Amino acid sequence: MVVIPEKYNHLKRIYVDTTRIATQLDSPKVYYTIKPEIGYVVCGYCNICFVLKENADIDTERVYFYNERESKKYEQV
């Protein structure tokens, strides 16, 4: 189970099934990698907390691309 620090409780959460994240809202496109032992990462631009699902494939090369206008799509790296 992922434990999110209390200071992030107010942030929007997106649950993902891969450790690789990309986001581009009102910022440049940024990439993050979620460390499985931590289980989450917070985007420094949009302040969205990306949380790794319990059944996530931590070995995949797939990238979760978050864009509010398009909801989500996957890119191959």
PDB file of N, CA and C in Angstrom:
ATOM      1  N   MET A   1       0.835  -1.185   0.000  1.00  0.00           N
ATOM      2  CA  MET A   1       0.000   0.000   0.000  1.00  0.00           C
ATOM      3  C   MET A   1       0.878   1.246   0.000  1.00  0.00           C
ATOM      4  N   VAL A   2       0.553   2.191  -0.852  1.00  0.00           N
ATOM      5  CA  VAL A   2       1.306   3.435  -0.963  1.00  0.00           C
ATOM      6  C   VAL A   2       0.843   4.399   0.126  1.00  0.00           C
ATOM      7  N   VAL A   3       1.799   4.960   0.839  1.00  0.00           N
ATOM      8  CA  VAL A   3       1.487   5.948   1.867  1.00  0.00           C
ATOM      9  C   VAL A   3       1.897   7.320   1.337  1.00  0.00           C
ATOM     10  N   ILE A   4       0.906   8.181   1.121  1.00  0.00           N
ATOM     11  CA  ILE A   4       1.149   9.536   0.631  1.00  0.00           C
ATOM     12  C   ILE A   4       1.289  10.450   1.845  1.00  0.00           C
ATOM     13  N   PRO A   5       2.369  11.237   1.919  1.00  0.00           N
ATOM     14  CA  PRO A   5       2.515  12.163   3.048  1.00  0.00           C
ATOM     15  C   PRO A   5       1.334  13.125   3.156  1.00  0.00           C
ATOM     16  N   GLU A   6       1.012  13.478   4.369  1.00  0.00           N
ATOM     17  CA  GLU A   6      -0.129  14.350   4.645  1.00  0.00           C
ATOM     18  C   GLU A   6      -0.059  15.669   3.882  1.00  0.00           C
ATOM     19  N   LYS A   7       1.147  16.180   3.658  1.00  0.00           N
ATOM     20  CA  LYS A   7       1.277  17.466   2.963  1.00  0.00           C
ATOM     21  C   LYS A   7       0.783  17.407   1.517  1.00  0.00           C
ATOM     22  N   TYR A   8       0.587  16.200   0.968  1.00  0.00           N
ATOM     23  CA  TYR A   8       0.084  16.044  -0.396  1.00  0.00           C
ATOM     24  C   TYR A   8      -1.391  15.645  -0.449  1.00  0.00           C
ATOM     25  N   ASN A   9      -2.062  15.576   0.679  1.00  0.00           N
ATOM     26  CA  ASN A   9      -3.461  15.130   0.710  1.00  0.00           C
ATOM     27  C   ASN A   9      -4.394  16.001  -0.121  1.00  0.00           C
ATOM     28  N   HIS A  10      -4.080  17.267  -0.275  1.00  0.00           N
ATOM     29  CA  HIS A  10      -4.959  18.186  -1.012  1.00  0.00           C
ATOM     30  C   HIS A  10      -4.765  18.119  -2.529  1.00  0.00           C
ATOM     31  N   LEU A  11      -3.732  17.436  -2.991  1.00  0.00           N
ATOM     32  CA  LEU A  11      -3.429  17.392  -4.424  1.00  0.00           C
ATOM     33  C   LEU A  11      -4.335  16.413  -5.167  1.00  0.00           C
ATOM     34  N   LYS A  12      -4.584  16.727  -6.429  1.00  0.00           N
ATOM     35  CA  LYS A  12      -5.287  15.804  -7.316  1.00  0.00           C
ATOM     36  C   LYS A  12      -4.422  14.561  -7.465  1.00  0.00           C
ATOM     37  N   ARG A  13      -5.047  13.388  -7.468  1.00  0.00           N
ATOM     38  CA  ARG A  13      -4.311  12.133  -7.626  1.00  0.00           C
ATOM     39  C   ARG A  13      -4.725  11.436  -8.912  1.00  0.00           C
ATOM     40  N   ILE A  14      -3.728  10.937  -9.608  1.00  0.00           N
ATOM     41  CA  ILE A  14      -3.940  10.134 -10.804  1.00  0.00           C
ATOM     42  C   ILE A  14      -3.279   8.789 -10.531  1.00  0.00           C
ATOM     43  N   TYR A  15      -4.051   7.704 -10.643  1.00  0.00           N
ATOM     44  CA  TYR A  15      -3.523   6.362 -10.398  1.00  0.00           C
ATOM     45  C   TYR A  15      -3.055   5.767 -11.721  1.00  0.00           C
ATOM     46  N   VAL A  16      -1.813   5.281 -11.737  1.00  0.00           N
ATOM     47  CA  VAL A  16      -1.183   4.824 -12.972  1.00  0.00           C
ATOM     48  C   VAL A  16      -0.685   3.392 -12.822  1.00  0.00           C
ATOM     49  N   ASP A  17      -0.517   2.714 -13.963  1.00  0.00           N
ATOM     50  CA  ASP A  17      -0.069   1.325 -13.941  1.00  0.00           C
ATOM     51  C   ASP A  17       1.324   1.142 -14.534  1.00  0.00           C
ATOM     52  N   THR A  18       2.093   2.210 -14.572  1.00  0.00           N
ATOM     53  CA  THR A  18       3.475   2.174 -15.033  1.00  0.00           C
ATOM     54  C   THR A  18       4.290   3.172 -14.216  1.00  0.00           C
ATOM     55  N   THR A  19       5.584   2.940 -14.133  1.00  0.00           N
ATOM     56  CA  THR A  19       6.436   3.826 -13.333  1.00  0.00           C
ATOM     57  C   THR A  19       6.880   5.061 -14.098  1.00  0.00           C
ATOM     58  N   ARG A  20       6.654   5.076 -15.396  1.00  0.00           N
ATOM     59  CA  ARG A  20       7.103   6.201 -16.229  1.00  0.00           C
ATOM     60  C   ARG A  20       5.942   7.141 -16.519  1.00  0.00           C
ATOM     61  N   ILE A  21       6.158   8.422 -16.210  1.00  0.00           N
ATOM     62  CA  ILE A  21       5.112   9.433 -16.323  1.00  0.00           C
ATOM     63  C   ILE A  21       5.620  10.589 -17.178  1.00  0.00           C
ATOM     64  N   ALA A  22       4.741  11.129 -18.011  1.00  0.00           N
ATOM     65  CA  ALA A  22       5.021  12.374 -18.733  1.00  0.00           C
ATOM     66  C   ALA A  22       3.791  13.254 -18.601  1.00  0.00           C
ATOM     67  N   THR A  23       4.008  14.536 -18.435  1.00  0.00           N
ATOM     68  CA  THR A  23       2.887  15.464 -18.336  1.00  0.00           C
ATOM     69  C   THR A  23       3.253  16.788 -18.986  1.00  0.00           C
ATOM     70  N   GLN A  24       2.249  17.405 -19.572  1.00  0.00           N
ATOM     71  CA  GLN A  24       2.434  18.711 -20.197  1.00  0.00           C
ATOM     72  C   GLN A  24       1.106  19.443 -20.127  1.00  0.00           C
ATOM     73  N   LEU A  25       0.974  20.307 -19.177  1.00  0.00           N
ATOM     74  CA  LEU A  25      -0.248  21.100 -19.067  1.00  0.00           C
ATOM     75  C   LEU A  25       0.097  22.511 -19.495  1.00  0.00           C
ATOM     76  N   ASP A  26       0.316  23.403 -18.571  1.00  0.00           N
ATOM     77  CA  ASP A  26       0.764  24.765 -18.899  1.00  0.00           C
ATOM     78  C   ASP A  26       2.253  24.881 -18.625  1.00  0.00           C
ATOM     79  N   SER A  27       2.990  23.859 -19.023  1.00  0.00           N
ATOM     80  CA  SER A  27       4.428  23.793 -18.753  1.00  0.00           C
ATOM     81  C   SER A  27       5.096  23.036 -19.892  1.00  0.00           C
ATOM     82  N   PRO A  28       6.420  23.007 -19.881  1.00  0.00           N
ATOM     83  CA  PRO A  28       7.091  22.134 -20.841  1.00  0.00           C
ATOM     84  C   PRO A  28       6.759  20.678 -20.507  1.00  0.00           C
ATOM     85  N   LYS A  29       6.909  19.790 -21.480  1.00  0.00           N
ATOM     86  CA  LYS A  29       6.686  18.374 -21.198  1.00  0.00           C
ATOM     87  C   LYS A  29       7.778  17.908 -20.238  1.00  0.00           C
ATOM     88  N   VAL A  30       7.358  17.275 -19.157  1.00  0.00           N
ATOM     89  CA  VAL A  30       8.308  16.777 -18.164  1.00  0.00           C
ATOM     90  C   VAL A  30       8.079  15.284 -17.968  1.00  0.00           C
ATOM     91  N   TYR A  31       9.149  14.597 -17.638  1.00  0.00           N
ATOM     92  CA  TYR A  31       9.113  13.154 -17.424  1.00  0.00           C
ATOM     93  C   TYR A  31       9.521  12.850 -15.990  1.00  0.00           C
ATOM     94  N   TYR A  32       8.842  11.876 -15.405  1.00  0.00           N
ATOM     95  CA  TYR A  32       9.156  11.421 -14.054  1.00  0.00           C
ATOM     96  C   TYR A  32       9.173   9.902 -14.047  1.00  0.00           C
ATOM     97  N   THR A  33       9.918   9.345 -13.105  1.00  0.00           N
ATOM     98  CA  THR A  33       9.904   7.913 -12.858  1.00  0.00           C
ATOM     99  C   THR A  33       9.499   7.694 -11.411  1.00  0.00           C
ATOM    100  N   ILE A  34       8.476   6.885 -11.215  1.00  0.00           N
ATOM    101  CA  ILE A  34       8.037   6.560  -9.859  1.00  0.00           C
ATOM    102  C   ILE A  34       8.905   5.417  -9.344  1.00  0.00           C
ATOM    103  N   LYS A  35       9.533   5.609  -8.208  1.00  0.00           N
ATOM    104  CA  LYS A  35      10.283   4.529  -7.569  1.00  0.00           C
ATOM    105  C   LYS A  35       9.264   3.598  -6.917  1.00  0.00           C
ATOM    106  N   PRO A  36       9.263   2.307  -7.292  1.00  0.00           N
ATOM    107  CA  PRO A  36       8.254   1.386  -6.750  1.00  0.00           C
ATOM    108  C   PRO A  36       8.236   1.334  -5.221  1.00  0.00           C
ATOM    109  N   GLU A  37       9.385   1.492  -4.592  1.00  0.00           N
ATOM    110  CA  GLU A  37       9.422   1.434  -3.126  1.00  0.00           C
ATOM    111  C   GLU A  37       8.778   2.665  -2.486  1.00  0.00           C
ATOM    112  N   ILE A  38       8.663   3.765  -3.244  1.00  0.00           N
ATOM    113  CA  ILE A  38       7.991   4.974  -2.751  1.00  0.00           C
ATOM    114  C   ILE A  38       6.531   4.967  -3.195  1.00  0.00           C
ATOM    115  N   GLY A  39       6.281   4.703  -4.484  1.00  0.00           N
ATOM    116  CA  GLY A  39       4.920   4.513  -4.966  1.00  0.00           C
ATOM    117  C   GLY A  39       4.199   5.737  -5.493  1.00  0.00           C
ATOM    118  N   TYR A  40       4.842   6.883  -5.506  1.00  0.00           N
ATOM    119  CA  TYR A  40       4.185   8.085  -6.025  1.00  0.00           C
ATOM    120  C   TYR A  40       5.244   9.100  -6.431  1.00  0.00           C
ATOM    121  N   VAL A  41       4.814  10.081  -7.229  1.00  0.00           N
ATOM    122  CA  VAL A  41       5.652  11.224  -7.579  1.00  0.00           C
ATOM    123  C   VAL A  41       4.716  12.414  -7.773  1.00  0.00           C
ATOM    124  N   VAL A  42       5.200  13.601  -7.408  1.00  0.00           N
ATOM    125  CA  VAL A  42       4.415  14.824  -7.558  1.00  0.00           C
ATOM    126  C   VAL A  42       5.065  15.682  -8.634  1.00  0.00           C
ATOM    127  N   CYS A  43       4.274  16.094  -9.623  1.00  0.00           N
ATOM    128  CA  CYS A  43       4.781  16.967 -10.678  1.00  0.00           C
ATOM    129  C   CYS A  43       5.070  18.344 -10.090  1.00  0.00           C
ATOM    130  N   GLY A  44       6.260  18.841 -10.340  1.00  0.00           N
ATOM    131  CA  GLY A  44       6.669  20.142  -9.830  1.00  0.00           C
ATOM    132  C   GLY A  44       6.015  21.317 -10.533  1.00  0.00           C
ATOM    133  N   TYR A  45       5.368  21.069 -11.667  1.00  0.00           N
ATOM    134  CA  TYR A  45       4.687  22.137 -12.402  1.00  0.00           C
ATOM    135  C   TYR A  45       3.193  22.175 -12.098  1.00  0.00           C
ATOM    136  N   CYS A  46       2.529  21.031 -12.232  1.00  0.00           N
ATOM    137  CA  CYS A  46       1.065  21.016 -12.109  1.00  0.00           C
ATOM    138  C   CYS A  46       0.571  20.553 -10.740  1.00  0.00           C
ATOM    139  N   ASN A  47       1.492  20.133  -9.869  1.00  0.00           N
ATOM    140  CA  ASN A  47       1.133  19.671  -8.520  1.00  0.00           C
ATOM    141  C   ASN A  47       0.094  18.560  -8.534  1.00  0.00           C
ATOM    142  N   ILE A  48       0.233  17.641  -9.466  1.00  0.00           N
ATOM    143  CA  ILE A  48      -0.597  16.441  -9.484  1.00  0.00           C
ATOM    144  C   ILE A  48       0.241  15.309  -8.918  1.00  0.00           C
ATOM    145  N   CYS A  49      -0.377  14.510  -8.061  1.00  0.00           N
ATOM    146  CA  CYS A  49       0.292  13.369  -7.452  1.00  0.00           C
ATOM    147  C   CYS A  49      -0.042  12.125  -8.274  1.00  0.00           C
ATOM    148  N   PHE A  50       0.963  11.528  -8.893  1.00  0.00           N
ATOM    149  CA  PHE A  50       0.788  10.307  -9.666  1.00  0.00           C
ATOM    150  C   PHE A  50       1.116   9.139  -8.751  1.00  0.00           C
ATOM    151  N   VAL A  51       0.139   8.251  -8.572  1.00  0.00           N
ATOM    152  CA  VAL A  51       0.250   7.153  -7.615  1.00  0.00           C
ATOM    153  C   VAL A  51       0.275   5.832  -8.373  1.00  0.00           C
ATOM    154  N   LEU A  52       1.236   5.000  -8.032  1.00  0.00           N
ATOM    155  CA  LEU A  52       1.391   3.699  -8.666  1.00  0.00           C
ATOM    156  C   LEU A  52       0.325   2.736  -8.139  1.00  0.00           C
ATOM    157  N   LYS A  53      -0.429   2.120  -9.054  1.00  0.00           N
ATOM    158  CA  LYS A  53      -1.429   1.123  -8.659  1.00  0.00           C
ATOM    159  C   LYS A  53      -0.722  -0.117  -8.117  1.00  0.00           C
ATOM    160  N   GLU A  54      -1.412  -0.860  -7.261  1.00  0.00           N
ATOM    161  CA  GLU A  54      -0.819  -2.066  -6.675  1.00  0.00           C
ATOM    162  C   GLU A  54      -0.470  -3.108  -7.727  1.00  0.00           C
ATOM    163  N   ASN A  55      -1.239  -3.192  -8.803  1.00  0.00           N
ATOM    164  CA  ASN A  55      -0.998  -4.192  -9.849  1.00  0.00           C
ATOM    165  C   ASN A  55      -0.188  -3.623 -11.017  1.00  0.00           C
ATOM    166  N   ALA A  56       0.547  -2.555 -10.799  1.00  0.00           N
ATOM    167  CA  ALA A  56       1.308  -1.886 -11.868  1.00  0.00           C
ATOM    168  C   ALA A  56       2.409  -2.788 -12.418  1.00  0.00           C
ATOM    169  N   ASP A  57       2.666  -2.634 -13.701  1.00  0.00           N
ATOM    170  CA  ASP A  57       3.763  -3.339 -14.362  1.00  0.00           C
ATOM    171  C   ASP A  57       5.007  -2.468 -14.241  1.00  0.00           C
ATOM    172  N   ILE A  58       5.857  -2.777 -13.274  1.00  0.00           N
ATOM    173  CA  ILE A  58       7.022  -1.920 -13.016  1.00  0.00           C
ATOM    174  C   ILE A  58       8.174  -2.185 -13.978  1.00  0.00           C
ATOM    175  N   ASP A  59       8.044  -3.186 -14.844  1.00  0.00           N
ATOM    176  CA  ASP A  59       9.111  -3.509 -15.794  1.00  0.00           C
ATOM    177  C   ASP A  59       8.834  -3.012 -17.209  1.00  0.00           C
ATOM    178  N   THR A  60       7.676  -2.437 -17.447  1.00  0.00           N
ATOM    179  CA  THR A  60       7.319  -2.005 -18.796  1.00  0.00           C
ATOM    180  C   THR A  60       8.067  -0.727 -19.187  1.00  0.00           C
ATOM    181  N   GLU A  61       8.227  -0.552 -20.477  1.00  0.00           N
ATOM    182  CA  GLU A  61       8.828   0.669 -21.016  1.00  0.00           C
ATOM    183  C   GLU A  61       7.752   1.707 -21.349  1.00  0.00           C
ATOM    184  N   ARG A  62       6.500   1.346 -21.152  1.00  0.00           N
ATOM    185  CA  ARG A  62       5.375   2.213 -21.482  1.00  0.00           C
ATOM    186  C   ARG A  62       5.408   3.479 -20.633  1.00  0.00           C
ATOM    187  N   VAL A  63       5.013   4.585 -21.240  1.00  0.00           N
ATOM    188  CA  VAL A  63       4.950   5.877 -20.555  1.00  0.00           C
ATOM    189  C   VAL A  63       3.489   6.298 -20.459  1.00  0.00           C
ATOM    190  N   TYR A  64       3.069   6.690 -19.274  1.00  0.00           N
ATOM    191  CA  TYR A  64       1.733   7.255 -19.085  1.00  0.00           C
ATOM    192  C   TYR A  64       1.852   8.743 -19.358  1.00  0.00           C
ATOM    193  N   PHE A  65       1.172   9.222 -20.410  1.00  0.00           N
ATOM    194  CA  PHE A  65       1.213  10.640 -20.757  1.00  0.00           C
ATOM    195  C   PHE A  65      -0.071  11.289 -20.283  1.00  0.00           C
ATOM    196  N   TYR A  66       0.043  12.240 -19.363  1.00  0.00           N
ATOM    197  CA  TYR A  66      -1.131  12.911 -18.825  1.00  0.00           C
ATOM    198  C   TYR A  66      -1.308  14.267 -19.480  1.00  0.00           C
ATOM    199  N   ASN A  67      -2.503  14.457 -20.015  1.00  0.00           N
ATOM    200  CA  ASN A  67      -2.885  15.721 -20.616  1.00  0.00           C
ATOM    201  C   ASN A  67      -4.375  15.872 -20.346  1.00  0.00           C
ATOM    202  N   GLU A  68      -4.768  16.866 -19.573  1.00  0.00           N
ATOM    203  CA  GLU A  68      -6.174  17.022 -19.193  1.00  0.00           C
ATOM    204  C   GLU A  68      -7.101  17.124 -20.397  1.00  0.00           C
ATOM    205  N   ARG A  69      -6.642  17.725 -21.462  1.00  0.00           N
ATOM    206  CA  ARG A  69      -7.496  17.894 -22.641  1.00  0.00           C
ATOM    207  C   ARG A  69      -7.756  16.559 -23.342  1.00  0.00           C
ATOM    208  N   GLU A  70      -6.778  15.684 -23.310  1.00  0.00           N
ATOM    209  CA  GLU A  70      -6.911  14.403 -24.001  1.00  0.00           C
ATOM    210  C   GLU A  70      -7.107  13.245 -23.036  1.00  0.00           C
ATOM    211  N   SER A  71      -7.216  13.550 -21.763  1.00  0.00           N
ATOM    212  CA  SER A  71      -7.359  12.567 -20.700  1.00  0.00           C
ATOM    213  C   SER A  71      -6.061  11.793 -20.538  1.00  0.00           C
ATOM    214  N   LYS A  72      -5.822  10.769 -21.333  1.00  0.00           N
ATOM    215  CA  LYS A  72      -4.563  10.049 -21.255  1.00  0.00           C
ATOM    216  C   LYS A  72      -4.315   9.311 -22.560  1.00  0.00           C
ATOM    217  N   LYS A  73      -3.071   9.034 -22.799  1.00  0.00           N
ATOM    218  CA  LYS A  73      -2.690   8.181 -23.910  1.00  0.00           C
ATOM    219  C   LYS A  73      -1.330   7.588 -23.572  1.00  0.00           C
ATOM    220  N   TYR A  74      -0.967   6.558 -24.262  1.00  0.00           N
ATOM    221  CA  TYR A  74       0.312   5.913 -24.001  1.00  0.00           C
ATOM    222  C   TYR A  74       1.271   6.189 -25.153  1.00  0.00           C
ATOM    223  N   GLU A  75       2.505   6.409 -24.798  1.00  0.00           N
ATOM    224  CA  GLU A  75       3.568   6.583 -25.777  1.00  0.00           C
ATOM    225  C   GLU A  75       4.575   5.461 -25.559  1.00  0.00           C
ATOM    226  N   GLN A  76       5.166   4.983 -26.617  1.00  0.00           N
ATOM    227  CA  GLN A  76       6.246   4.010 -26.495  1.00  0.00           C
ATOM    228  C   GLN A  76       7.562   4.761 -26.459  1.00  0.00           C
ATOM    229  N   VAL A  77       8.439   4.341 -25.605  1.00  0.00           N
ATOM    230  CA  VAL A  77       9.756   4.986 -25.483  1.00  0.00           C
ATOM    231  C   VAL A  77      10.759   4.167 -26.255  1.00  0.00           C
TER     232      VAL A  77
END
